Structure formats: structure tokens, C-alpha cells
Amino acid sequence: MAFINPLVIPGNNSALRSKGRTYCCSDVFLSDTERRNRVQPMLRELLHNTQNNPEYGRHLKIMLNDGQRWTIHRTVFSVLNAVRGTVNQCEQLLTSHTVKLFEHSTGKECCQLIPDSSAMRRLESRELEAMFILLFQAIQSNKKFAQVRGGVPVQLSHFDLHHGHFFYHEESQQFGILFHCAEYPKYHSQWMPYNLGFCQKGSDLYPNPKLLLTRNVVWLENSNHLLAINTEFAADVTYPGSLGTLYERDLGMLWMDVFFLAENDNTPGIFVYPYSV
């Protein structure tokens, strides 16, 4: 799983419930293989842009316009094709020097959003950085997505959307990203009765029954949209013990985590944490 998943409640898979309805989690524990096998049909539907599976219509398509699709196509052709393959070659995409990323802290308390704040890297290609920012902003600006989240617009902040997991899907030989939204919702006695530590303090992301059901958004390079997975209808593919979280390694070979954050409180940009094979 990601180095930090604030919505994992260790040793407790109980769901948020109202009138017997499960809002966030599944009480069904599948093996890793079974769970991964159930994730793959969703990726195929996203890839082929069809709705042969009636359950596919339960998820929200976040459409990309012609200009956004052209930017992605150009970047894939000029940057990603050079490293495509079953071996993790993300080092070729990164600058050689590391960057220490700003972390929110007060005294002895620290909000650690990344595994090693001194080991973050920047992308060598400005095109690839622009493509990642485009995808973050496409999610943030989509009004239909805000509606299915209970009317809550997406924030590009550490409380909500600030990272994705860049992976290689071997079956289709395509790159993809799993974005995780709603990272640190505000504490709420009914809809978010969990203390997530210092990173949650000051959160202005107010929870509701729908917010955590739509925290996973998937993109594959040849699709013309992103897919916001509604885990009310796909709870069995979420990671056991989490509040509706798709596990990035179930989707493919994990190359790097991609963050849209500010360095030392400056203008936000793309920072990455690479993984070795």
C-alpha cells in the first residue's frame, strides 16, 4: 500500500453505517489475488471506453476535452514511450538531485505526507509535469464529480487531493494513475468518527455519506476520461481495513507516487517519490 494511507484503521474494518447501510468499507475479506482479479474488469472498461458491463455505469466518467487529450497524447508519444516496458525505468524521468519538501509542523508535531521528505525528486520533462497537473486540475474542476461527492468541490490540498500513484498496467501495456481524494476529512461524529492525527487538524473538508465512496479516481493513457470509482458498488475491490481505498499495486506495477504540493510554501508543483523494482 502507499507509504501512508490516513484512511486505514488498523485492526478495524467496521464501516460507517446509517440505517444499516454501509458507506465506506466492505466486511468481505478477499485474498490479494481475488481482489486484483476483480479490479481488472474496471480497468478494461476504462481502457476500451465501453459500457458492456452494466455495473460500469455506476461509476462516474470525468471527461477530458480535445485539448487535454492532445496534450496527453503528445506527452505519451514524446516522453513515456521511451521508458515503456515491464521494468521500472522511472529514474530516466527524474532529475538527479533530491528535493526536501515542505511539511506542515508545529513544535514536535509533524504532518508527514511522504515517506522521506528529503528524498523527493522533480521530473526532468516539463511536458510530463504539465500532463500530471492537467489531470489533477481536471478532477478538481469537474462539477459532476463534486455532485457525487455530496456537493463538495475537490480541493487541491493535503486535506483532499494531493497525490496519485503512477503505475504500469502490464495487460494493456499502458501507464495509469490512481488518484486518492479525501485524504484528511474533518472529524465528524457520524460521517468521519476517526482521529487521523496532526495532518487532520484544521481540515476544512467536511465529510458526508458520499465523500469517502468516491475517493478513488483512475486514469489510463489511451482513455479519453478518468473514472471515479463508486465503492458503494465495488466495496470488494477496496483494501481490507481501509475506508474505501483502492490499493495501487492491485492495478499494476507501481513506478512512483506523484504529489501536487508546494515546496517551502511556494507555488505548487509536481514532486515524485520513485519506487525500485
C-alpha atoms as a PDB file:
ATOM      1  CA  MET A   1       0.000   0.000   0.000  1.00  0.00           C
ATOM      2  CA  ALA A   2       1.051   3.598  -0.174  1.00  0.00           C
ATOM      3  CA  PHE A   3       3.614   4.624   2.422  1.00  0.00           C
ATOM      4  CA  ILE A   4       0.907   6.496   4.247  1.00  0.00           C
ATOM      5  CA  ASN A   5      -2.803   5.869   4.000  1.00  0.00           C
ATOM      6  CA  PRO A   6      -4.582   8.042   6.543  1.00  0.00           C
ATOM      7  CA  LEU A   7      -7.864   6.228   5.996  1.00  0.00           C
ATOM      8  CA  VAL A   8      -6.588   2.843   7.162  1.00  0.00           C
ATOM      9  CA  ILE A   9      -7.837   1.986  10.620  1.00  0.00           C
ATOM     10  CA  PRO A  10      -5.508  -0.764  11.908  1.00  0.00           C
ATOM     11  CA  GLY A  11      -7.300  -3.803  13.217  1.00  0.00           C
ATOM     12  CA  ASN A  12     -10.742  -2.430  12.494  1.00  0.00           C
ATOM     13  CA  ASN A  13     -12.764  -2.991   9.344  1.00  0.00           C
ATOM     14  CA  SER A  14     -16.039  -1.690  10.719  1.00  0.00           C
ATOM     15  CA  ALA A  15     -17.836   0.579   8.309  1.00  0.00           C
ATOM     16  CA  LEU A  16     -19.538   3.886   8.763  1.00  0.00           C
ATOM     17  CA  ARG A  17     -23.192   2.922   8.764  1.00  0.00           C
ATOM     18  CA  SER A  18     -26.560   4.642   8.777  1.00  0.00           C
ATOM     19  CA  LYS A  19     -29.802   2.665   8.989  1.00  0.00           C
ATOM     20  CA  GLY A  20     -27.901  -0.498   8.168  1.00  0.00           C
ATOM     21  CA  ARG A  21     -26.245   0.880   5.048  1.00  0.00           C
ATOM     22  CA  THR A  22     -22.505   0.500   4.539  1.00  0.00           C
ATOM     23  CA  TYR A  23     -20.862   3.753   3.457  1.00  0.00           C
ATOM     24  CA  CYS A  24     -17.133   3.112   3.303  1.00  0.00           C
ATOM     25  CA  CYS A  25     -15.956  -0.386   3.767  1.00  0.00           C
ATOM     26  CA  SER A  26     -16.557  -3.996   2.963  1.00  0.00           C
ATOM     27  CA  ASP A  27     -16.778  -6.671   5.605  1.00  0.00           C
ATOM     28  CA  VAL A  28     -15.762  -9.220   2.939  1.00  0.00           C
ATOM     29  CA  PHE A  29     -12.073 -10.154   3.043  1.00  0.00           C
ATOM     30  CA  LEU A  30     -10.730 -11.436  -0.267  1.00  0.00           C
ATOM     31  CA  SER A  31      -7.290 -12.791  -0.960  1.00  0.00           C
ATOM     32  CA  ASP A  32      -4.898 -10.450  -2.761  1.00  0.00           C
ATOM     33  CA  THR A  33      -5.327 -12.457  -5.965  1.00  0.00           C
ATOM     34  CA  GLU A  34      -9.139 -12.418  -5.780  1.00  0.00           C
ATOM     35  CA  ARG A  35      -9.194  -8.681  -5.134  1.00  0.00           C
ATOM     36  CA  ARG A  36      -6.815  -7.945  -8.022  1.00  0.00           C
ATOM     37  CA  ASN A  37      -8.883 -10.107 -10.371  1.00  0.00           C
ATOM     38  CA  ARG A  38     -11.964  -8.035  -9.556  1.00  0.00           C
ATOM     39  CA  VAL A  39     -10.147  -4.758 -10.194  1.00  0.00           C
ATOM     40  CA  GLN A  40      -9.053  -5.700 -13.721  1.00  0.00           C
ATOM     41  CA  PRO A  41     -12.510  -5.624 -15.421  1.00  0.00           C
ATOM     42  CA  MET A  42     -12.915  -1.989 -14.330  1.00  0.00           C
ATOM     43  CA  LEU A  43      -9.606  -1.141 -15.973  1.00  0.00           C
ATOM     44  CA  ARG A  44     -10.622  -2.911 -19.180  1.00  0.00           C
ATOM     45  CA  GLU A  45     -13.868  -0.957 -19.328  1.00  0.00           C
ATOM     46  CA  LEU A  46     -11.953   2.282 -18.795  1.00  0.00           C
ATOM     47  CA  LEU A  47      -9.418   1.310 -21.456  1.00  0.00           C
ATOM     48  CA  HIS A  48     -11.924   0.314 -24.116  1.00  0.00           C
ATOM     49  CA  ASN A  49     -14.327   3.140 -23.261  1.00  0.00           C
ATOM     50  CA  THR A  50     -17.362   0.870 -23.395  1.00  0.00           C
ATOM     51  CA  GLN A  51     -20.231   0.108 -21.050  1.00  0.00           C
ATOM     52  CA  ASN A  52     -20.737  -3.588 -21.740  1.00  0.00           C
ATOM     53  CA  ASN A  53     -20.610  -4.206 -18.029  1.00  0.00           C
ATOM     54  CA  PRO A  54     -23.845  -2.805 -16.526  1.00  0.00           C
ATOM     55  CA  GLU A  55     -22.027  -2.024 -13.286  1.00  0.00           C
ATOM     56  CA  TYR A  56     -19.671   0.308 -15.156  1.00  0.00           C
ATOM     57  CA  GLY A  57     -22.438   2.906 -15.389  1.00  0.00           C
ATOM     58  CA  ARG A  58     -22.449   3.180 -11.617  1.00  0.00           C
ATOM     59  CA  HIS A  59     -19.075   4.925 -11.743  1.00  0.00           C
ATOM     60  CA  LEU A  60     -18.565   8.497 -12.901  1.00  0.00           C
ATOM     61  CA  LYS A  61     -16.682   9.332 -16.087  1.00  0.00           C
ATOM     62  CA  ILE A  62     -14.711  12.579 -15.828  1.00  0.00           C
ATOM     63  CA  MET A  63     -14.387  13.599 -19.453  1.00  0.00           C
ATOM     64  CA  LEU A  64     -11.317  15.249 -20.957  1.00  0.00           C
ATOM     65  CA  ASN A  65     -11.665  17.804 -23.733  1.00  0.00           C
ATOM     66  CA  ASP A  66      -9.869  17.671 -27.085  1.00  0.00           C
ATOM     67  CA  GLY A  67      -7.072  19.959 -25.956  1.00  0.00           C
ATOM     68  CA  GLN A  68      -6.402  17.921 -22.824  1.00  0.00           C
ATOM     69  CA  ARG A  69      -6.415  14.663 -24.770  1.00  0.00           C
ATOM     70  CA  TRP A  70      -3.987  16.093 -27.331  1.00  0.00           C
ATOM     71  CA  THR A  71      -1.621  17.231 -24.557  1.00  0.00           C
ATOM     72  CA  ILE A  72      -1.697  13.752 -23.046  1.00  0.00           C
ATOM     73  CA  HIS A  73      -1.206  12.036 -26.421  1.00  0.00           C
ATOM     74  CA  ARG A  74       1.762  14.263 -27.250  1.00  0.00           C
ATOM     75  CA  THR A  75       3.391  13.660 -23.861  1.00  0.00           C
ATOM     76  CA  VAL A  76       2.895   9.909 -24.020  1.00  0.00           C
ATOM     77  CA  PHE A  77       4.440   9.830 -27.507  1.00  0.00           C
ATOM     78  CA  SER A  78       7.411  12.074 -26.733  1.00  0.00           C
ATOM     79  CA  VAL A  79       8.190  11.088 -23.132  1.00  0.00           C
ATOM     80  CA  LEU A  80       6.567   7.896 -21.867  1.00  0.00           C
ATOM     81  CA  ASN A  81       7.075   5.719 -24.936  1.00  0.00           C
ATOM     82  CA  ALA A  82      10.827   5.889 -24.327  1.00  0.00           C
ATOM     83  CA  VAL A  83      10.500   4.108 -20.972  1.00  0.00           C
ATOM     84  CA  ARG A  84       7.573   1.791 -21.682  1.00  0.00           C
ATOM     85  CA  GLY A  85       8.064  -1.787 -20.545  1.00  0.00           C
ATOM     86  CA  THR A  86       7.767  -4.242 -17.691  1.00  0.00           C
ATOM     87  CA  VAL A  87      10.903  -2.952 -15.959  1.00  0.00           C
ATOM     88  CA  ASN A  88      10.561   0.138 -13.787  1.00  0.00           C
ATOM     89  CA  GLN A  89      12.578   2.838 -15.567  1.00  0.00           C
ATOM     90  CA  CYS A  90      11.238   5.864 -13.708  1.00  0.00           C
ATOM     91  CA  GLU A  91      14.803   7.033 -12.952  1.00  0.00           C
ATOM     92  CA  GLN A  92      15.025   8.118 -16.591  1.00  0.00           C
ATOM     93  CA  LEU A  93      12.123  10.523 -16.000  1.00  0.00           C
ATOM     94  CA  LEU A  94      13.619  12.259 -12.966  1.00  0.00           C
ATOM     95  CA  THR A  95      16.237  14.859 -12.198  1.00  0.00           C
ATOM     96  CA  SER A  96      19.335  13.586 -10.414  1.00  0.00           C
ATOM     97  CA  HIS A  97      19.075  15.809  -7.341  1.00  0.00           C
ATOM     98  CA  THR A  98      16.676  15.363  -4.451  1.00  0.00           C
ATOM     99  CA  VAL A  99      14.364  17.994  -3.009  1.00  0.00           C
ATOM    100  CA  LYS A 100      13.303  18.499   0.588  1.00  0.00           C
ATOM    101  CA  LEU A 101       9.588  19.069   0.516  1.00  0.00           C
ATOM    102  CA  PHE A 102       7.845  21.397   2.937  1.00  0.00           C
ATOM    103  CA  GLU A 103       5.977  19.607   5.706  1.00  0.00           C
ATOM    104  CA  HIS A 104       3.361  21.120   7.964  1.00  0.00           C
ATOM    105  CA  SER A 105       4.688  21.054  11.514  1.00  0.00           C
ATOM    106  CA  THR A 106       4.251  22.751  14.855  1.00  0.00           C
ATOM    107  CA  GLY A 107       6.748  22.006  17.574  1.00  0.00           C
ATOM    108  CA  LYS A 108       7.042  18.238  17.925  1.00  0.00           C
ATOM    109  CA  GLU A 109       4.004  17.511  15.757  1.00  0.00           C
ATOM    110  CA  CYS A 110       4.506  16.923  12.044  1.00  0.00           C
ATOM    111  CA  CYS A 111       2.239  16.132   9.110  1.00  0.00           C
ATOM    112  CA  GLN A 112       4.245  13.610   7.117  1.00  0.00           C
ATOM    113  CA  LEU A 113       2.636  13.232   3.694  1.00  0.00           C
ATOM    114  CA  ILE A 114       5.602  11.460   2.133  1.00  0.00           C
ATOM    115  CA  PRO A 115       7.871   8.555   3.152  1.00  0.00           C
ATOM    116  CA  ASP A 116      11.067  10.595   3.144  1.00  0.00           C
ATOM    117  CA  SER A 117      10.814  14.360   2.858  1.00  0.00           C
ATOM    118  CA  SER A 118      14.473  14.654   1.824  1.00  0.00           C
ATOM    119  CA  ALA A 119      14.256  12.087  -0.991  1.00  0.00           C
ATOM    120  CA  MET A 120      11.665  13.708  -3.237  1.00  0.00           C
ATOM    121  CA  ARG A 121      12.524  14.264  -6.883  1.00  0.00           C
ATOM    122  CA  ARG A 122      11.395  16.536  -9.715  1.00  0.00           C
ATOM    123  CA  LEU A 123      10.533  15.463 -13.243  1.00  0.00           C
ATOM    124  CA  GLU A 124      13.058  16.068 -15.989  1.00  0.00           C
ATOM    125  CA  SER A 125      10.333  16.709 -18.559  1.00  0.00           C
ATOM    126  CA  ARG A 126       8.229  19.856 -18.265  1.00  0.00           C
ATOM    127  CA  GLU A 127       5.746  18.186 -20.623  1.00  0.00           C
ATOM    128  CA  LEU A 128       5.199  15.317 -18.219  1.00  0.00           C
ATOM    129  CA  GLU A 129       4.832  17.712 -15.295  1.00  0.00           C
ATOM    130  CA  ALA A 130       2.221  19.690 -17.241  1.00  0.00           C
ATOM    131  CA  MET A 131       0.329  16.486 -18.046  1.00  0.00           C
ATOM    132  CA  PHE A 132       0.188  15.458 -14.386  1.00  0.00           C
ATOM    133  CA  ILE A 133      -1.012  18.928 -13.362  1.00  0.00           C
ATOM    134  CA  LEU A 134      -3.646  18.771 -16.124  1.00  0.00           C
ATOM    135  CA  LEU A 135      -5.048  15.542 -14.661  1.00  0.00           C
ATOM    136  CA  PHE A 136      -5.121  16.892 -11.100  1.00  0.00           C
ATOM    137  CA  GLN A 137      -6.934  20.002 -12.297  1.00  0.00           C
ATOM    138  CA  ALA A 138      -9.375  18.003 -14.445  1.00  0.00           C
ATOM    139  CA  ILE A 139     -10.523  16.183 -11.309  1.00  0.00           C
ATOM    140  CA  GLN A 140     -10.597  19.349  -9.228  1.00  0.00           C
ATOM    141  CA  SER A 141     -12.701  21.332 -11.700  1.00  0.00           C
ATOM    142  CA  ASN A 142     -15.290  18.681 -12.593  1.00  0.00           C
ATOM    143  CA  LYS A 143     -18.701  19.790 -11.321  1.00  0.00           C
ATOM    144  CA  LYS A 144     -20.333  16.361 -11.694  1.00  0.00           C
ATOM    145  CA  PHE A 145     -17.636  14.854  -9.504  1.00  0.00           C
ATOM    146  CA  ALA A 146     -18.364  17.463  -6.852  1.00  0.00           C
ATOM    147  CA  GLN A 147     -22.032  16.475  -7.006  1.00  0.00           C
ATOM    148  CA  VAL A 148     -21.392  12.759  -6.472  1.00  0.00           C
ATOM    149  CA  ARG A 149     -19.176  13.693  -3.519  1.00  0.00           C
ATOM    150  CA  GLY A 150     -22.243  15.133  -1.835  1.00  0.00           C
ATOM    151  CA  GLY A 151     -21.849  18.609  -3.307  1.00  0.00           C
ATOM    152  CA  VAL A 152     -18.286  19.044  -2.014  1.00  0.00           C
ATOM    153  CA  PRO A 153     -15.875  20.552  -4.597  1.00  0.00           C
ATOM    154  CA  VAL A 154     -12.446  18.945  -4.800  1.00  0.00           C
ATOM    155  CA  GLN A 155      -9.643  20.873  -3.125  1.00  0.00           C
ATOM    156  CA  LEU A 156      -6.055  20.635  -4.322  1.00  0.00           C
ATOM    157  CA  SER A 157      -4.699  20.496  -0.798  1.00  0.00           C
ATOM    158  CA  HIS A 158      -3.245  17.991   1.628  1.00  0.00           C
ATOM    159  CA  PHE A 159      -6.705  17.625   3.192  1.00  0.00           C
ATOM    160  CA  ASP A 160      -8.211  16.376  -0.063  1.00  0.00           C
ATOM    161  CA  LEU A 161      -6.488  15.660  -3.401  1.00  0.00           C
ATOM    162  CA  HIS A 162      -2.720  15.981  -3.484  1.00  0.00           C
ATOM    163  CA  HIS A 163      -1.287  12.710  -4.752  1.00  0.00           C
ATOM    164  CA  GLY A 164      -1.636   9.852  -7.198  1.00  0.00           C
ATOM    165  CA  HIS A 165       0.126   6.556  -7.826  1.00  0.00           C
ATOM    166  CA  PHE A 166       1.750   6.163 -11.249  1.00  0.00           C
ATOM    167  CA  PHE A 167       1.684   2.536 -12.406  1.00  0.00           C
ATOM    168  CA  TYR A 168       2.235   0.356 -15.460  1.00  0.00           C
ATOM    169  CA  HIS A 169      -0.663  -1.915 -16.412  1.00  0.00           C
ATOM    170  CA  GLU A 170       1.066  -4.913 -17.991  1.00  0.00           C
ATOM    171  CA  GLU A 171      -2.015  -6.488 -19.589  1.00  0.00           C
ATOM    172  CA  SER A 172      -2.743  -3.416 -21.727  1.00  0.00           C
ATOM    173  CA  GLN A 173       0.880  -2.190 -21.764  1.00  0.00           C
ATOM    174  CA  GLN A 174      -0.283   1.236 -20.652  1.00  0.00           C
ATOM    175  CA  PHE A 175       0.587   3.712 -17.954  1.00  0.00           C
ATOM    176  CA  GLY A 176      -2.033   4.837 -15.486  1.00  0.00           C
ATOM    177  CA  ILE A 177      -2.553   6.821 -12.313  1.00  0.00           C
ATOM    178  CA  LEU A 178      -4.692   6.055  -9.290  1.00  0.00           C
ATOM    179  CA  PHE A 179      -5.612   9.329  -7.577  1.00  0.00           C
ATOM    180  CA  HIS A 180      -6.741   9.313  -3.954  1.00  0.00           C
ATOM    181  CA  CYS A 181      -9.044  12.126  -2.814  1.00  0.00           C
ATOM    182  CA  ALA A 182     -10.435  12.917   0.652  1.00  0.00           C
ATOM    183  CA  GLU A 183      -7.184  12.191   2.487  1.00  0.00           C
ATOM    184  CA  TYR A 184      -7.898  14.125   5.688  1.00  0.00           C
ATOM    185  CA  PRO A 185     -11.584  14.985   6.104  1.00  0.00           C
ATOM    186  CA  LYS A 186     -12.629  16.993   9.123  1.00  0.00           C
ATOM    187  CA  TYR A 187     -13.568  14.929  12.164  1.00  0.00           C
ATOM    188  CA  HIS A 188     -17.325  14.281  12.343  1.00  0.00           C
ATOM    189  CA  SER A 189     -19.027  12.152  14.990  1.00  0.00           C
ATOM    190  CA  GLN A 190     -21.242  10.435  12.394  1.00  0.00           C
ATOM    191  CA  TRP A 191     -19.520  10.558   8.999  1.00  0.00           C
ATOM    192  CA  MET A 192     -15.841  10.641   9.994  1.00  0.00           C
ATOM    193  CA  PRO A 193     -15.507   9.455  13.593  1.00  0.00           C
ATOM    194  CA  TYR A 194     -11.750   8.899  13.342  1.00  0.00           C
ATOM    195  CA  ASN A 195      -8.837  10.918  14.627  1.00  0.00           C
ATOM    196  CA  LEU A 196      -6.208  10.893  11.850  1.00  0.00           C
ATOM    197  CA  GLY A 197      -3.599  12.830  13.758  1.00  0.00           C
ATOM    198  CA  PHE A 198      -1.872  16.140  13.155  1.00  0.00           C
ATOM    199  CA  CYS A 199      -2.477  16.159   9.375  1.00  0.00           C
ATOM    200  CA  GLN A 200      -6.213  16.292  10.039  1.00  0.00           C
ATOM    201  CA  LYS A 201      -6.021  19.354  12.263  1.00  0.00           C
ATOM    202  CA  GLY A 202      -7.555  22.426  10.663  1.00  0.00           C
ATOM    203  CA  SER A 203      -9.229  20.431   7.904  1.00  0.00           C
ATOM    204  CA  ASP A 204     -11.991  22.281   6.093  1.00  0.00           C
ATOM    205  CA  LEU A 205     -13.053  19.192   4.127  1.00  0.00           C
ATOM    206  CA  TYR A 206     -16.442  18.479   5.660  1.00  0.00           C
ATOM    207  CA  PRO A 207     -17.471  14.806   5.382  1.00  0.00           C
ATOM    208  CA  ASN A 208     -20.833  13.462   4.295  1.00  0.00           C
ATOM    209  CA  PRO A 209     -22.202   9.975   3.461  1.00  0.00           C
ATOM    210  CA  LYS A 210     -20.907  10.126  -0.137  1.00  0.00           C
ATOM    211  CA  LEU A 211     -17.458  11.659   0.267  1.00  0.00           C
ATOM    212  CA  LEU A 212     -15.481   8.509   1.038  1.00  0.00           C
ATOM    213  CA  LEU A 213     -17.364   6.437  -1.538  1.00  0.00           C
ATOM    214  CA  THR A 214     -15.722   8.362  -4.368  1.00  0.00           C
ATOM    215  CA  ARG A 215     -12.146   8.881  -3.218  1.00  0.00           C
ATOM    216  CA  ASN A 216     -10.563   6.728  -5.962  1.00  0.00           C
ATOM    217  CA  VAL A 217     -10.110   8.141  -9.485  1.00  0.00           C
ATOM    218  CA  VAL A 218      -8.325   6.118 -12.177  1.00  0.00           C
ATOM    219  CA  TRP A 219      -6.739   7.236 -15.455  1.00  0.00           C
ATOM    220  CA  LEU A 220      -5.252   5.079 -18.229  1.00  0.00           C
ATOM    221  CA  GLU A 221      -3.304   6.718 -21.038  1.00  0.00           C
ATOM    222  CA  ASN A 222      -5.472   5.650 -24.007  1.00  0.00           C
ATOM    223  CA  SER A 223      -8.808   6.518 -22.409  1.00  0.00           C
ATOM    224  CA  ASN A 224     -10.432   9.876 -23.052  1.00  0.00           C
ATOM    225  CA  HIS A 225     -11.652  10.229 -19.492  1.00  0.00           C
ATOM    226  CA  LEU A 226     -10.918   9.457 -15.863  1.00  0.00           C
ATOM    227  CA  LEU A 227     -13.112   7.089 -13.894  1.00  0.00           C
ATOM    228  CA  ALA A 228     -14.255   7.914 -10.355  1.00  0.00           C
ATOM    229  CA  ILE A 229     -14.928   4.535  -8.758  1.00  0.00           C
ATOM    230  CA  ASN A 230     -18.052   4.401  -6.601  1.00  0.00           C
ATOM    231  CA  THR A 231     -17.051   1.919  -3.911  1.00  0.00           C
ATOM    232  CA  GLU A 232     -20.651   1.558  -2.764  1.00  0.00           C
ATOM    233  CA  PHE A 233     -20.883  -0.826  -5.720  1.00  0.00           C
ATOM    234  CA  ALA A 234     -17.273  -2.029  -5.635  1.00  0.00           C
ATOM    235  CA  ALA A 235     -16.502  -2.449  -1.951  1.00  0.00           C
ATOM    236  CA  ASP A 236     -14.956  -5.867  -2.555  1.00  0.00           C
ATOM    237  CA  VAL A 237     -12.056  -4.333  -4.511  1.00  0.00           C
ATOM    238  CA  THR A 238     -11.043  -1.955  -1.728  1.00  0.00           C
ATOM    239  CA  TYR A 239      -8.182  -2.733   0.604  1.00  0.00           C
ATOM    240  CA  PRO A 240      -9.232  -4.631   3.761  1.00  0.00           C
ATOM    241  CA  GLY A 241      -9.465  -2.393   6.793  1.00  0.00           C
ATOM    242  CA  SER A 242      -9.459   0.838   4.802  1.00  0.00           C
ATOM    243  CA  LEU A 243     -12.238   3.326   4.304  1.00  0.00           C
ATOM    244  CA  GLY A 244     -12.932   2.699   0.640  1.00  0.00           C
ATOM    245  CA  THR A 245      -9.359   2.768  -0.658  1.00  0.00           C
ATOM    246  CA  LEU A 246      -8.242   1.041  -3.845  1.00  0.00           C
ATOM    247  CA  TYR A 247      -4.753  -0.393  -3.433  1.00  0.00           C
ATOM    248  CA  GLU A 248      -2.413   0.970  -6.104  1.00  0.00           C
ATOM    249  CA  ARG A 249      -0.456  -2.277  -6.506  1.00  0.00           C
ATOM    250  CA  ASP A 250      -3.689  -4.081  -7.437  1.00  0.00           C
ATOM    251  CA  LEU A 251      -3.796  -2.006 -10.623  1.00  0.00           C
ATOM    252  CA  GLY A 252      -0.307  -2.711 -11.915  1.00  0.00           C
ATOM    253  CA  MET A 253       3.415  -2.278 -11.345  1.00  0.00           C
ATOM    254  CA  LEU A 254       3.927   0.772  -9.138  1.00  0.00           C
ATOM    255  CA  TRP A 255       6.581   3.156 -10.534  1.00  0.00           C
ATOM    256  CA  MET A 256       6.247   6.269  -8.409  1.00  0.00           C
ATOM    257  CA  ASP A 257       3.986   8.374  -6.236  1.00  0.00           C
ATOM    258  CA  VAL A 258       3.129  11.744  -7.750  1.00  0.00           C
ATOM    259  CA  PHE A 259       2.422  14.739  -5.496  1.00  0.00           C
ATOM    260  CA  PHE A 260       0.942  18.127  -6.318  1.00  0.00           C
ATOM    261  CA  LEU A 261       2.254  20.138  -3.388  1.00  0.00           C
ATOM    262  CA  ALA A 262       4.161  23.310  -2.593  1.00  0.00           C
ATOM    263  CA  GLU A 263       7.888  23.420  -1.900  1.00  0.00           C
ATOM    264  CA  ASN A 264       8.552  25.603   1.165  1.00  0.00           C
ATOM    265  CA  ASP A 265       5.098  27.217   0.788  1.00  0.00           C
ATOM    266  CA  ASN A 266       5.833  28.344  -2.782  1.00  0.00           C
ATOM    267  CA  THR A 267       3.726  27.754  -5.896  1.00  0.00           C
ATOM    268  CA  PRO A 268       2.516  24.121  -6.043  1.00  0.00           C
ATOM    269  CA  GLY A 269       4.283  21.808  -8.435  1.00  0.00           C
ATOM    270  CA  ILE A 270       4.820  18.133  -9.155  1.00  0.00           C
ATOM    271  CA  PHE A 271       7.110  16.135  -6.888  1.00  0.00           C
ATOM    272  CA  VAL A 272       7.631  12.397  -7.108  1.00  0.00           C
ATOM    273  CA  TYR A 273       8.763   9.577  -4.877  1.00  0.00           C
ATOM    274  CA  PRO A 274      10.192   6.757  -7.026  1.00  0.00           C
ATOM    275  CA  TYR A 275       9.992   3.047  -6.267  1.00  0.00           C
ATOM    276  CA  SER A 276      12.607   0.493  -7.207  1.00  0.00           C
ATOM    277  CA  VAL A 277      11.633  -2.901  -8.585  1.00  0.00           C
END
